[in-house]
Amino acid sequence: MTTAYIRGTVTPKSIALTLRSLLFCGLTAPGASYAQEAPIPRPGFDVLHYEFSLEIPDSGSFIRGSTEISVRQTAREGAFRLDLVDKHVITLRINDRSTAFRQDSAGLYVNLPMPRSVPDTFRVDIGYEGIVKDGLIIREAQGRWTAFGDNWPNRARHWLPTVDHPGDKATVTWRIDAPANLTVIANGACVKSVPLGGDNPSTPRRLTVWETKRPIPTYVMVIAAAPLVSKKLRMTATGLSEFPGGIPQAVHAFPEDQGYIPGPFEEAVDIVEYFSRTIGPFPYEKLDHIQSSTIFGGMENASAIFYFDQGFKRRQINSGLIAHETAHQWFGDAVTPADWPHLWLSEGFATYWAELWRQHDKGDSTFRASMTHMRDGILRSRTTTQRPVIDTAESRLMALLNSNSYQKGAWILHMLRSTVGDTAFYAGMRLYYEYYKHRSASSRDFQQAMEASSGMELGWFFDQWLRRPGFIKASFEWNTLESDREVRLTVRQSGVPYRFPLRLAIETDDGKSVAATVDVPAEAEAIIRIPWSGRPVANIIFDPFVQLLWSITKR
């Protein structure tokens, strides 16, 4: 048994001084004290830019494409592998010279001349064609033909030659040759839209060019080609974007559903402004909200969010979904998990920031009710009971879309916030975002940012919540001993015990309540003594503000 103690706090002044020091020094070695936690997708190579040129058909699913890839080489390697399946490569050139390559079911292997020096850059040009089986969802229904990119997690390889891994981000240019009756939307800003001449004037076509100025992971590189009706939203306040002016937003729907917009998307402007003020400036050129036909209810494609078709038709889009996908623009898109087991850095963050929007918009009571409902679901989840959040054993990437990555990930942030305090929590989130934006990060990187902002060693917190399954299972007994002038708690934990801060509301016999916070050690049984000189205790409420992921029994 161990006796715990009442906790102290870190002052806002000490956090400000720490952050100024770290930012001045450039935070030069995040995670330096740890072993590398995420693999480099292609050791020795870093893709800098993709330029995709695609001919989109007006029927069927046969596409032709060419891709120009700029690559930075950092090691003397003789071959470079790209992810491309289901497509026939017609031509391949390195720096304008034909080169040998090999293609199999795993991808495309390109022979390279030895670099003159390291680092060096080279360009790969690939021409290819074939039937699209996945990644680009092409459908013809109700007399309407549509095509929507749907790359998550690693399905870009079915229609685009890429390094299809979140750890290698790049800027992208889209050059889309499509039927002129379709609206084409993609990542970034539209820089050109011109009619194309053709042999058949009855089927006119148009070239639309979109490009990004910021690198993004391949799983959010998408196009939408469909007959869409667009409505602009009001501009955000200036100064909240990485780009000049406000943040342009628009909603795009199928013609029969245009009466639904802007509808719930009116809130998108306030959501973007809240995140921009709380996390950091919006990272992209604009933000489009698009009705789509893909396999997900919502997909956070950078600057071009896709929402499920039936959500528009059944009027099911709500501010929670919009806030979740919008939060991904910061966490998931701008700061990307370095590898799949760290998916909670995307989904857990988006889930919790949507709840923070709820707290900001609806108040504390609604927020706590939502967190309680979320906790109830986690406690019933077999995945949470049996598997850790950082799940390196799970090879089925779709299976990572579970209660650990979303709900438990969100609750980990919620408990972290209560552990370090609001000031340190928000400062740490901003520090993490500022340093890793437009890059990839691991859970260790996030831990280090939170340690810097709070001045606390947090290895115990991240290890117990990220690297083992489950949650707190505890029972409590309390009594008061007048002679000792203390309140005595006995805490018993079943299974592997956790360390956690415990908030209490101590109610006295005159109906008043006194707040206290104690640290519960990672012990199977612990006695916690709280000095007491007030009126007799009538009751103790454990976790009154809904801040612990636990199943508890009071005795």
Protein backbone atom coordinates (compact mmCIF):
# COMPACT_ATOMS: atom_id res chain seq x y z
CA MET A 1 0.00 0.00 0.00
CA THR A 2 1.10 3.54 -0.78
CA THR A 3 0.00 6.87 0.60
CA ALA A 4 -0.71 9.46 -2.10
CA TYR A 5 -0.68 13.23 -1.83
CA ILE A 6 -2.70 16.22 -3.02
CA ARG A 7 -1.36 17.52 -6.31
CA GLY A 8 0.20 20.86 -7.15
CA THR A 9 -0.15 22.86 -10.36
CA VAL A 10 2.01 24.34 -13.10
CA THR A 11 1.57 28.09 -13.54
CA PRO A 12 0.73 29.72 -16.91
CA LYS A 13 3.86 31.86 -16.52
CA SER A 14 6.15 28.81 -16.31
CA ILE A 15 4.49 27.31 -19.41
CA ALA A 16 4.91 30.51 -21.38
CA LEU A 17 8.60 30.65 -20.51
CA THR A 18 9.10 27.00 -21.50
CA LEU A 19 7.34 27.46 -24.84
CA ARG A 20 9.24 30.61 -25.68
CA SER A 21 12.50 28.79 -24.95
CA LEU A 22 11.58 25.76 -27.06
CA LEU A 23 10.32 27.78 -30.01
CA PHE A 24 13.37 30.04 -29.89
CA CYS A 25 15.62 26.98 -30.02
CA GLY A 26 13.54 25.46 -32.81
CA LEU A 27 12.60 22.39 -30.74
CA THR A 28 15.58 20.85 -32.43
CA ALA A 29 15.31 17.30 -31.19
CA PRO A 30 11.73 16.17 -30.66
CA GLY A 31 11.74 12.54 -29.58
CA ALA A 32 15.54 12.48 -29.55
CA SER A 33 15.64 10.53 -26.29
CA TYR A 34 13.51 7.75 -27.79
CA ALA A 35 14.12 5.03 -30.33
CA GLN A 36 12.55 5.79 -33.69
CA GLU A 37 8.90 4.84 -33.35
CA ALA A 38 7.76 4.83 -36.97
CA PRO A 39 9.53 3.41 -40.04
CA ILE A 40 10.59 5.53 -42.99
CA PRO A 41 8.34 4.39 -45.87
CA ARG A 42 11.15 4.25 -48.44
CA PRO A 43 14.54 4.64 -46.72
CA GLY A 44 16.75 6.95 -48.71
CA PHE A 45 13.90 8.67 -50.61
CA ASP A 46 11.46 11.52 -50.02
CA VAL A 47 8.77 12.37 -52.57
CA LEU A 48 8.51 16.14 -52.95
CA HIS A 49 5.75 16.57 -55.54
CA TYR A 50 3.24 14.64 -57.65
CA GLU A 51 1.70 15.94 -60.85
CA PHE A 52 -1.19 13.69 -61.86
CA SER A 53 -2.67 14.03 -65.37
CA LEU A 54 -5.79 11.94 -65.84
CA GLU A 55 -8.33 11.40 -68.60
CA ILE A 56 -11.66 10.76 -66.92
CA PRO A 57 -14.09 8.83 -69.16
CA ASP A 58 -17.72 9.77 -69.72
CA SER A 59 -18.70 6.14 -69.21
CA GLY A 60 -17.05 2.98 -67.97
CA SER A 61 -14.06 2.81 -65.62
CA PHE A 62 -11.08 2.68 -67.97
CA ILE A 63 -8.66 5.53 -67.30
CA ARG A 64 -5.45 6.78 -68.84
CA GLY A 65 -2.95 8.74 -66.82
CA SER A 66 0.52 10.10 -66.61
CA THR A 67 2.34 11.11 -63.45
CA GLU A 68 5.44 13.20 -62.90
CA ILE A 69 7.08 12.60 -59.53
CA SER A 70 9.87 14.70 -58.03
CA VAL A 71 11.98 12.74 -55.56
CA ARG A 72 14.76 13.72 -53.20
CA GLN A 73 17.32 10.95 -52.80
CA THR A 74 19.25 10.87 -49.53
CA ALA A 75 21.12 7.56 -49.87
CA ARG A 76 22.91 5.74 -52.67
CA GLU A 77 20.23 3.27 -53.66
CA GLY A 78 20.00 1.53 -57.03
CA ALA A 79 16.21 1.10 -57.13
CA PHE A 80 13.10 2.93 -56.07
CA ARG A 81 9.71 1.28 -55.44
CA LEU A 82 6.38 2.93 -56.16
CA ASP A 83 2.99 1.60 -55.16
CA LEU A 84 0.87 0.96 -58.25
CA VAL A 85 -1.36 -2.05 -58.81
CA ASP A 86 -4.07 -3.03 -61.30
CA LYS A 87 -2.61 -0.72 -63.97
CA HIS A 88 -0.45 -1.36 -67.02
CA VAL A 89 2.61 0.88 -67.22
CA ILE A 90 3.21 1.99 -70.80
CA THR A 91 6.19 4.32 -70.42
CA LEU A 92 8.65 5.15 -67.66
CA ARG A 93 11.43 7.72 -67.79
CA ILE A 94 13.97 9.00 -65.27
CA ASN A 95 15.05 12.59 -65.93
CA ASP A 96 13.70 12.31 -69.52
CA ARG A 97 15.54 9.06 -70.23
CA SER A 98 13.86 5.69 -70.64
CA THR A 99 14.83 3.27 -67.93
CA ALA A 100 14.28 -0.33 -66.98
CA PHE A 101 11.54 -1.19 -64.52
CA ARG A 102 9.74 -4.21 -63.13
CA GLN A 103 6.09 -4.45 -62.22
CA ASP A 104 4.45 -7.10 -60.07
CA SER A 105 1.46 -7.44 -57.75
CA ALA A 106 3.26 -5.44 -55.04
CA GLY A 107 4.17 -2.40 -57.09
CA LEU A 108 6.54 -0.84 -59.53
CA TYR A 109 10.34 -1.14 -59.18
CA VAL A 110 12.38 1.52 -60.94
CA ASN A 111 16.10 1.20 -61.68
CA LEU A 112 18.08 4.32 -60.83
CA PRO A 113 21.42 5.67 -61.95
CA MET A 114 23.73 6.31 -59.03
CA PRO A 115 23.31 9.91 -57.83
CA ARG A 116 26.13 12.33 -58.48
CA SER A 117 25.89 13.34 -54.85
CA VAL A 118 23.65 12.76 -51.87
CA PRO A 119 21.23 14.40 -51.39
CA ASP A 120 20.12 14.66 -55.00
CA THR A 121 16.80 14.98 -56.79
CA PHE A 122 15.38 13.15 -59.79
CA ARG A 123 12.12 13.05 -61.73
CA VAL A 124 10.09 9.98 -62.65
CA ASP A 125 7.58 10.16 -65.52
CA ILE A 126 5.08 7.32 -65.81
CA GLY A 127 2.37 6.66 -68.37
CA TYR A 128 -0.23 4.04 -67.53
CA GLU A 129 -3.77 2.85 -68.17
CA GLY A 130 -6.31 0.30 -67.02
CA ILE A 131 -9.63 -0.48 -65.40
CA VAL A 132 -10.12 1.20 -62.03
CA LYS A 133 -10.99 -1.41 -59.39
CA ASP A 134 -10.58 0.68 -56.25
CA GLY A 135 -9.34 4.03 -54.97
CA LEU A 136 -11.30 6.02 -57.55
CA ILE A 137 -14.97 5.18 -57.10
CA ILE A 138 -16.64 5.46 -60.50
CA ARG A 139 -20.40 4.99 -60.60
CA GLU A 140 -23.23 5.43 -63.01
CA ALA A 141 -26.65 5.63 -61.38
CA GLN A 142 -29.89 7.45 -62.12
CA GLY A 143 -28.42 8.53 -65.45
CA ARG A 144 -25.55 10.28 -63.67
CA TRP A 145 -21.87 9.42 -63.96
CA THR A 146 -19.53 10.34 -61.05
CA ALA A 147 -15.95 9.72 -59.94
CA PHE A 148 -14.68 10.32 -56.40
CA GLY A 149 -11.23 9.59 -54.99
CA ASP A 150 -11.38 7.28 -51.98
CA ASN A 151 -7.82 6.50 -50.95
CA TRP A 152 -7.86 5.74 -47.23
CA PRO A 153 -5.89 3.94 -45.93
CA ASN A 154 -3.55 2.81 -48.74
CA ARG A 155 -5.85 2.53 -51.76
CA ALA A 156 -4.31 5.35 -53.81
CA ARG A 157 -2.09 2.66 -55.38
CA HIS A 158 -5.09 1.34 -57.34
CA TRP A 159 -5.19 4.42 -59.58
CA LEU A 160 -2.13 6.57 -58.78
CA PRO A 161 1.60 5.71 -58.72
CA THR A 162 2.72 6.91 -55.28
CA VAL A 163 4.59 6.10 -52.11
CA ASP A 164 1.30 5.17 -50.51
CA HIS A 165 2.16 5.70 -46.85
CA PRO A 166 1.33 8.52 -44.41
CA GLY A 167 4.98 9.00 -43.50
CA ASP A 168 5.86 10.48 -46.94
CA LYS A 169 3.91 13.66 -47.70
CA ALA A 170 4.17 15.73 -50.86
CA THR A 171 2.55 18.63 -52.68
CA VAL A 172 0.27 17.71 -55.57
CA THR A 173 -0.96 19.09 -58.88
CA TRP A 174 -4.05 17.65 -60.54
CA ARG A 175 -4.58 18.04 -64.31
CA ILE A 176 -8.02 16.54 -64.95
CA ASP A 177 -9.39 16.08 -68.48
CA ALA A 178 -13.09 15.35 -67.89
CA PRO A 179 -16.48 15.74 -69.57
CA ALA A 180 -17.40 19.41 -69.56
CA ASN A 181 -20.73 18.80 -67.82
CA LEU A 182 -18.94 17.65 -64.67
CA THR A 183 -17.65 19.87 -61.88
CA VAL A 184 -14.10 18.91 -60.94
CA ILE A 185 -12.87 19.69 -57.43
CA ALA A 186 -9.58 18.63 -55.87
CA ASN A 187 -7.08 19.55 -53.18
CA GLY A 188 -5.72 23.08 -52.97
CA ALA A 189 -6.63 25.93 -55.30
CA CYS A 190 -8.02 25.85 -58.83
CA VAL A 191 -5.44 27.51 -61.09
CA LYS A 192 -6.97 26.73 -64.51
CA SER A 193 -10.23 25.64 -66.07
CA VAL A 194 -10.37 25.73 -69.87
CA PRO A 195 -12.40 23.98 -72.59
CA LEU A 196 -10.61 21.39 -74.68
CA GLY A 197 -11.00 20.82 -78.37
CA GLY A 198 -11.97 17.33 -79.44
CA ASP A 199 -12.99 15.13 -82.31
CA ASN A 200 -16.59 14.92 -81.12
CA PRO A 201 -18.22 18.32 -80.44
CA SER A 202 -21.28 16.58 -78.97
CA THR A 203 -19.20 15.45 -75.99
CA PRO A 204 -17.16 18.53 -75.01
CA ARG A 205 -14.43 18.20 -72.43
CA ARG A 206 -12.66 20.55 -70.04
CA LEU A 207 -9.21 20.67 -68.46
CA THR A 208 -9.24 21.63 -64.76
CA VAL A 209 -6.00 22.13 -62.83
CA TRP A 210 -5.77 22.18 -59.05
CA GLU A 211 -2.61 22.44 -56.97
CA THR A 212 -1.54 22.54 -53.34
CA LYS A 213 1.17 24.65 -51.77
CA ARG A 214 1.38 22.41 -48.72
CA PRO A 215 2.42 18.74 -48.60
CA ILE A 216 -0.29 16.21 -47.80
CA PRO A 217 -0.41 12.41 -47.36
CA THR A 218 -1.57 10.29 -50.30
CA TYR A 219 -4.68 9.07 -48.49
CA VAL A 220 -6.20 12.57 -48.69
CA MET A 221 -5.15 13.30 -52.31
CA VAL A 222 -8.46 13.20 -54.18
CA ILE A 223 -10.58 14.49 -56.99
CA ALA A 224 -14.35 14.81 -57.31
CA ALA A 225 -15.85 14.75 -60.80
CA ALA A 226 -19.63 14.98 -60.78
CA PRO A 227 -22.56 17.25 -61.72
CA LEU A 228 -22.57 19.42 -58.60
CA VAL A 229 -24.34 22.61 -57.55
CA SER A 230 -22.22 24.90 -55.37
CA LYS A 231 -23.05 27.45 -52.70
CA LYS A 232 -20.42 29.64 -51.10
CA LEU A 233 -20.31 30.16 -47.35
CA ARG A 234 -19.46 33.48 -45.76
CA MET A 235 -15.76 34.18 -45.37
CA THR A 236 -14.03 33.71 -42.05
CA ALA A 237 -12.34 36.55 -40.27
CA THR A 238 -9.03 37.56 -41.81
CA GLY A 239 -5.76 36.51 -40.23
CA LEU A 240 -6.89 32.96 -39.43
CA SER A 241 -5.31 31.26 -42.45
CA GLU A 242 -1.79 30.47 -43.61
CA PHE A 243 -2.85 32.17 -46.84
CA PRO A 244 -3.83 35.84 -47.33
CA GLY A 245 -7.36 36.91 -46.53
CA GLY A 246 -10.07 34.78 -45.02
CA ILE A 247 -10.78 31.09 -45.62
CA PRO A 248 -13.03 30.44 -48.65
CA GLN A 249 -15.58 27.68 -48.01
CA ALA A 250 -18.27 26.22 -50.21
CA VAL A 251 -20.75 23.34 -50.17
CA HIS A 252 -21.30 21.18 -53.26
CA ALA A 253 -24.33 18.90 -53.72
CA PHE A 254 -26.06 16.93 -56.45
CA PRO A 255 -28.74 19.00 -58.21
CA GLU A 256 -31.66 17.21 -56.56
CA ASP A 257 -30.20 17.92 -53.10
CA GLN A 258 -29.29 21.57 -53.56
CA GLY A 259 -32.26 22.61 -51.40
CA TYR A 260 -30.45 21.12 -48.40
CA ILE A 261 -27.45 23.45 -48.65
CA PRO A 262 -25.99 25.31 -46.95
CA GLY A 263 -28.19 23.95 -44.13
CA PRO A 264 -25.98 22.53 -41.35
CA PHE A 265 -22.88 23.75 -43.17
CA GLU A 266 -23.67 27.29 -42.04
CA GLU A 267 -21.90 26.24 -38.83
CA ALA A 268 -18.74 25.33 -40.76
CA VAL A 269 -17.55 28.94 -40.70
CA ASP A 270 -17.75 29.18 -36.91
CA ILE A 271 -16.13 25.75 -36.54
CA VAL A 272 -13.19 26.73 -38.73
CA GLU A 273 -12.78 30.01 -36.88
CA TYR A 274 -12.81 28.25 -33.49
CA PHE A 275 -10.16 25.72 -34.53
CA SER A 276 -8.05 28.41 -36.23
CA ARG A 277 -8.02 30.51 -33.07
CA THR A 278 -7.45 27.57 -30.71
CA ILE A 279 -4.98 25.37 -32.64
CA GLY A 280 -3.34 27.52 -35.30
CA PRO A 281 -4.11 29.18 -38.65
CA PHE A 282 -6.06 27.10 -41.17
CA PRO A 283 -3.42 25.23 -43.20
CA TYR A 284 -4.88 25.14 -46.74
CA GLU A 285 -6.01 27.38 -49.57
CA LYS A 286 -9.75 26.76 -49.07
CA LEU A 287 -12.21 24.25 -47.68
CA ASP A 288 -14.86 22.51 -49.76
CA HIS A 289 -17.64 20.31 -48.33
CA ILE A 290 -18.77 17.82 -50.99
CA GLN A 291 -21.59 15.32 -51.33
CA SER A 292 -19.94 12.15 -52.59
CA SER A 293 -20.29 8.45 -53.30
CA THR A 294 -17.54 6.67 -51.38
CA ILE A 295 -17.32 4.00 -48.68
CA PHE A 296 -17.01 6.35 -45.70
CA GLY A 297 -19.56 8.54 -43.93
CA GLY A 298 -17.06 11.39 -43.96
CA MET A 299 -13.52 11.66 -45.28
CA GLU A 300 -11.16 14.46 -44.32
CA ASN A 301 -9.46 14.93 -47.70
CA ALA A 302 -7.21 17.97 -47.39
CA SER A 303 -9.24 21.10 -48.23
CA ALA A 304 -11.94 18.94 -49.90
CA ILE A 305 -14.02 17.02 -47.34
CA PHE A 306 -16.29 14.27 -48.69
CA TYR A 307 -19.61 13.46 -46.96
CA PHE A 308 -21.75 10.43 -47.69
CA ASP A 309 -24.45 10.79 -50.31
CA GLN A 310 -27.29 9.54 -48.09
CA GLY A 311 -26.38 12.07 -45.41
CA PHE A 312 -27.60 14.77 -47.79
CA LYS A 313 -30.61 12.85 -49.06
CA ARG A 314 -31.80 11.90 -45.57
CA ARG A 315 -30.80 15.25 -44.03
CA GLN A 316 -28.44 13.52 -41.60
CA ILE A 317 -25.38 15.80 -41.74
CA ASN A 318 -24.83 17.47 -38.36
CA SER A 319 -22.35 19.83 -36.75
CA GLY A 320 -20.59 16.95 -34.97
CA LEU A 321 -19.66 15.29 -38.27
CA ILE A 322 -18.64 18.61 -39.82
CA ALA A 323 -16.49 19.47 -36.78
CA HIS A 324 -14.83 16.03 -36.80
CA GLU A 325 -13.85 16.16 -40.47
CA THR A 326 -12.83 19.81 -40.18
CA ALA A 327 -10.60 19.11 -37.19
CA HIS A 328 -8.78 16.59 -39.37
CA GLN A 329 -7.53 19.46 -41.53
CA TRP A 330 -5.17 20.20 -38.63
CA PHE A 331 -4.77 16.73 -37.14
CA GLY A 332 -4.42 14.02 -39.76
CA ASP A 333 -3.87 16.22 -42.81
CA ALA A 334 -1.44 18.97 -41.70
CA VAL A 335 0.06 16.85 -38.89
CA THR A 336 -0.10 13.27 -40.11
CA PRO A 337 0.52 10.06 -38.13
CA ALA A 338 3.95 8.77 -39.08
CA ASP A 339 2.65 5.21 -39.30
CA TRP A 340 -0.67 3.36 -39.09
CA PRO A 341 -0.43 2.19 -35.45
CA HIS A 342 -0.45 5.89 -34.44
CA LEU A 343 -3.83 6.48 -36.07
CA TRP A 344 -5.22 7.85 -32.80
CA LEU A 345 -3.16 11.01 -33.50
CA SER A 346 -5.64 11.59 -36.32
CA GLU A 347 -8.95 9.98 -35.38
CA GLY A 348 -8.74 10.42 -31.61
CA PHE A 349 -7.71 14.04 -32.04
CA ALA A 350 -10.54 14.79 -34.49
CA THR A 351 -13.04 13.07 -32.20
CA TYR A 352 -11.96 15.08 -29.16
CA TRP A 353 -11.71 18.39 -30.96
CA ALA A 354 -15.25 17.87 -32.22
CA GLU A 355 -16.21 17.48 -28.55
CA LEU A 356 -14.28 20.64 -27.67
CA TRP A 357 -16.31 22.42 -30.33
CA ARG A 358 -19.43 21.01 -28.65
CA GLN A 359 -18.22 22.37 -25.29
CA HIS A 360 -17.51 25.77 -26.85
CA ASP A 361 -20.83 25.87 -28.69
CA LYS A 362 -23.25 24.13 -26.32
CA GLY A 363 -21.66 24.43 -22.88
CA ASP A 364 -20.16 22.20 -20.21
CA SER A 365 -23.26 20.16 -19.39
CA THR A 366 -23.77 19.04 -22.99
CA PHE A 367 -20.06 18.31 -23.32
CA ARG A 368 -19.97 16.15 -20.18
CA ALA A 369 -23.08 14.28 -21.20
CA SER A 370 -21.47 13.50 -24.55
CA MET A 371 -18.20 12.38 -22.94
CA THR A 372 -20.18 10.15 -20.53
CA HIS A 373 -22.02 8.55 -23.44
CA MET A 374 -18.72 8.01 -25.23
CA ARG A 375 -17.19 6.45 -22.12
CA ASP A 376 -20.10 4.03 -21.78
CA GLY A 377 -19.43 2.78 -25.30
CA ILE A 378 -15.71 2.34 -24.61
CA LEU A 379 -16.39 0.28 -21.49
CA ARG A 380 -18.52 -2.10 -23.58
CA SER A 381 -15.97 -2.39 -26.40
CA ARG A 382 -14.21 -5.73 -26.81
CA THR A 383 -11.51 -4.00 -28.88
CA THR A 384 -10.66 -1.62 -26.02
CA THR A 385 -10.58 -4.48 -23.53
CA GLN A 386 -8.33 -6.70 -25.65
CA ARG A 387 -6.05 -4.45 -27.73
CA PRO A 388 -3.85 -1.38 -27.08
CA VAL A 389 -4.35 1.93 -28.84
CA ILE A 390 -0.90 1.70 -30.48
CA ASP A 391 -1.63 -1.67 -32.07
CA THR A 392 1.50 -2.80 -33.92
CA ALA A 393 0.16 -6.35 -34.26
CA GLU A 394 -2.88 -5.42 -36.37
CA SER A 395 -2.02 -5.76 -40.07
CA ARG A 396 -5.56 -5.12 -41.38
CA LEU A 397 -5.55 -1.34 -41.67
CA MET A 398 -9.33 -1.04 -41.93
CA ALA A 399 -9.57 -2.82 -38.56
CA LEU A 400 -7.79 0.16 -36.97
CA LEU A 401 -10.99 2.18 -37.46
CA ASN A 402 -12.21 1.12 -34.04
CA SER A 403 -13.07 2.35 -30.56
CA ASN A 404 -9.39 2.63 -29.64
CA SER A 405 -8.45 4.99 -32.46
CA TYR A 406 -11.57 7.13 -32.10
CA GLN A 407 -13.29 7.09 -28.71
CA LYS A 408 -10.48 5.89 -26.44
CA GLY A 409 -8.06 8.16 -28.30
CA ALA A 410 -10.36 11.08 -27.57
CA TRP A 411 -10.67 10.06 -23.93
CA ILE A 412 -6.88 9.86 -23.62
CA LEU A 413 -6.71 13.53 -24.65
CA HIS A 414 -9.51 14.33 -22.21
CA MET A 415 -7.64 12.65 -19.34
CA LEU A 416 -4.38 14.30 -20.41
CA ARG A 417 -6.12 17.67 -20.25
CA SER A 418 -7.26 17.01 -16.68
CA THR A 419 -3.80 15.69 -15.73
CA VAL A 420 -1.76 18.68 -16.92
CA GLY A 421 -4.45 21.38 -16.69
CA ASP A 422 -6.17 23.42 -19.38
CA THR A 423 -3.38 25.97 -19.82
CA ALA A 424 -0.65 23.37 -20.37
CA PHE A 425 -2.93 21.17 -22.49
CA TYR A 426 -3.85 23.85 -25.03
CA ALA A 427 -0.31 25.21 -25.06
CA GLY A 428 1.03 21.70 -25.72
CA MET A 429 -1.45 21.09 -28.51
CA ARG A 430 -0.44 24.34 -30.17
CA LEU A 431 3.26 23.53 -29.73
CA TYR A 432 2.81 20.06 -31.22
CA TYR A 433 0.83 21.42 -34.15
CA GLU A 434 3.17 24.32 -34.84
CA TYR A 435 6.26 22.14 -34.91
CA TYR A 436 4.90 19.18 -36.88
CA LYS A 437 2.48 20.87 -39.28
CA HIS A 438 3.02 19.76 -42.88
CA ARG A 439 5.05 16.83 -41.55
CA SER A 440 4.39 13.49 -39.87
CA ALA A 441 4.63 12.73 -36.17
CA SER A 442 4.52 9.80 -33.77
CA SER A 443 2.97 9.37 -30.36
CA ARG A 444 6.38 9.97 -28.77
CA ASP A 445 6.57 13.30 -30.55
CA PHE A 446 3.23 14.32 -29.12
CA GLN A 447 4.28 13.14 -25.66
CA GLN A 448 7.39 15.29 -25.79
CA ALA A 449 5.41 18.39 -26.78
CA MET A 450 3.05 17.85 -23.84
CA GLU A 451 5.96 17.32 -21.47
CA ALA A 452 7.50 20.57 -22.69
CA SER A 453 4.31 22.53 -22.16
CA SER A 454 3.47 21.07 -18.75
CA GLY A 455 6.93 20.66 -17.24
CA MET A 456 5.87 17.13 -16.25
CA GLU A 457 7.31 13.72 -17.06
CA LEU A 458 4.43 11.92 -18.77
CA GLY A 459 5.91 8.60 -19.82
CA TRP A 460 3.78 6.80 -17.24
CA PHE A 461 0.60 8.36 -18.65
CA PHE A 462 1.27 7.53 -22.31
CA ASP A 463 2.56 4.04 -21.59
CA GLN A 464 -0.45 2.95 -19.56
CA TRP A 465 -3.04 4.45 -21.87
CA LEU A 466 -1.51 3.82 -25.30
CA ARG A 467 0.51 0.65 -24.96
CA ARG A 468 -1.74 -1.70 -23.04
CA PRO A 469 -5.41 -2.54 -23.42
CA GLY A 470 -8.23 -1.70 -21.06
CA PHE A 471 -9.16 1.01 -18.59
CA ILE A 472 -9.32 1.60 -14.84
CA LYS A 473 -11.36 -0.88 -12.81
CA ALA A 474 -11.51 0.28 -9.21
CA SER A 475 -13.53 0.15 -6.02
CA PHE A 476 -13.54 2.82 -3.31
CA GLU A 477 -14.19 2.96 0.41
CA TRP A 478 -14.00 6.12 2.49
CA ASN A 479 -14.37 7.11 6.11
CA THR A 480 -13.50 9.99 8.37
CA LEU A 481 -11.45 9.66 11.55
CA GLU A 482 -12.14 12.64 13.79
CA SER A 483 -9.14 11.97 16.00
CA ASP A 484 -6.80 11.98 12.98
CA ARG A 485 -8.67 14.89 11.38
CA GLU A 486 -8.53 13.32 7.94
CA VAL A 487 -10.61 11.69 5.25
CA ARG A 488 -9.27 8.27 4.42
CA LEU A 489 -9.86 6.64 1.02
CA THR A 490 -9.07 3.04 0.22
CA VAL A 491 -8.67 2.40 -3.50
CA ARG A 492 -8.52 -1.17 -4.85
CA GLN A 493 -7.81 -1.85 -8.52
CA SER A 494 -8.37 -5.13 -10.33
CA GLY A 495 -6.15 -6.19 -13.21
CA VAL A 496 -3.04 -4.14 -14.00
CA PRO A 497 -3.36 -1.01 -11.82
CA TYR A 498 -3.28 2.52 -13.22
CA ARG A 499 -1.87 5.76 -11.94
CA PHE A 500 -4.33 8.64 -12.21
CA PRO A 501 -5.40 11.96 -10.70
CA LEU A 502 -8.71 11.61 -8.87
CA ARG A 503 -11.06 14.56 -8.50
CA LEU A 504 -13.42 14.52 -5.53
CA ALA A 505 -16.38 16.59 -4.42
CA ILE A 506 -16.52 16.16 -0.63
CA GLU A 507 -20.02 17.00 0.58
CA THR A 508 -20.47 18.05 4.21
CA ASP A 509 -23.47 17.64 6.46
CA ASP A 510 -24.54 21.26 5.90
CA GLY A 511 -24.97 20.69 2.15
CA LYS A 512 -21.75 22.35 1.00
CA SER A 513 -19.11 20.81 -1.26
CA VAL A 514 -15.32 20.99 -1.10
CA ALA A 515 -13.20 20.10 -4.15
CA ALA A 516 -10.03 18.02 -3.79
CA THR A 517 -7.62 16.30 -6.15
CA VAL A 518 -5.38 13.40 -5.15
CA ASP A 519 -2.97 11.20 -7.06
CA VAL A 520 -3.83 7.51 -7.03
CA PRO A 521 -0.70 5.38 -7.46
CA ALA A 522 -0.44 2.33 -9.73
CA GLU A 523 -0.99 -0.07 -6.85
CA ALA A 524 -3.49 -2.88 -6.37
CA GLU A 525 -4.49 -1.26 -3.09
CA ALA A 526 -3.74 2.23 -1.86
CA ILE A 527 -4.75 4.28 1.16
CA ILE A 528 -5.08 7.99 0.46
CA ARG A 529 -5.25 10.40 3.39
CA ILE A 530 -6.72 13.85 2.94
CA PRO A 531 -6.21 16.33 5.81
CA TRP A 532 -9.63 17.50 7.01
CA SER A 533 -10.70 20.18 9.48
CA GLY A 534 -14.15 21.01 8.16
CA ARG A 535 -17.61 19.87 9.08
CA PRO A 536 -18.51 16.16 9.10
CA VAL A 537 -18.45 14.50 5.68
CA ALA A 538 -21.81 13.28 4.42
CA ASN A 539 -20.80 11.96 1.00
CA ILE A 540 -17.99 11.91 -1.57
CA ILE A 541 -18.63 12.20 -5.30
CA PHE A 542 -15.87 10.60 -7.35
CA ASP A 543 -14.93 12.17 -10.69
CA PRO A 544 -17.66 14.84 -10.58
CA PHE A 545 -16.55 16.46 -13.84
CA VAL A 546 -16.35 13.22 -15.91
CA GLN A 547 -12.58 13.12 -16.40
CA LEU A 548 -11.61 9.45 -15.94
CA LEU A 549 -12.00 6.42 -18.17
CA TRP A 550 -12.99 3.92 -15.54
CA SER A 551 -15.45 1.42 -14.24
CA ILE A 552 -15.91 2.09 -10.53
CA THR A 553 -17.60 0.58 -7.51
CA LYS A 554 -18.29 2.57 -4.35
CA ARG A 555 -18.61 0.75 -1.04
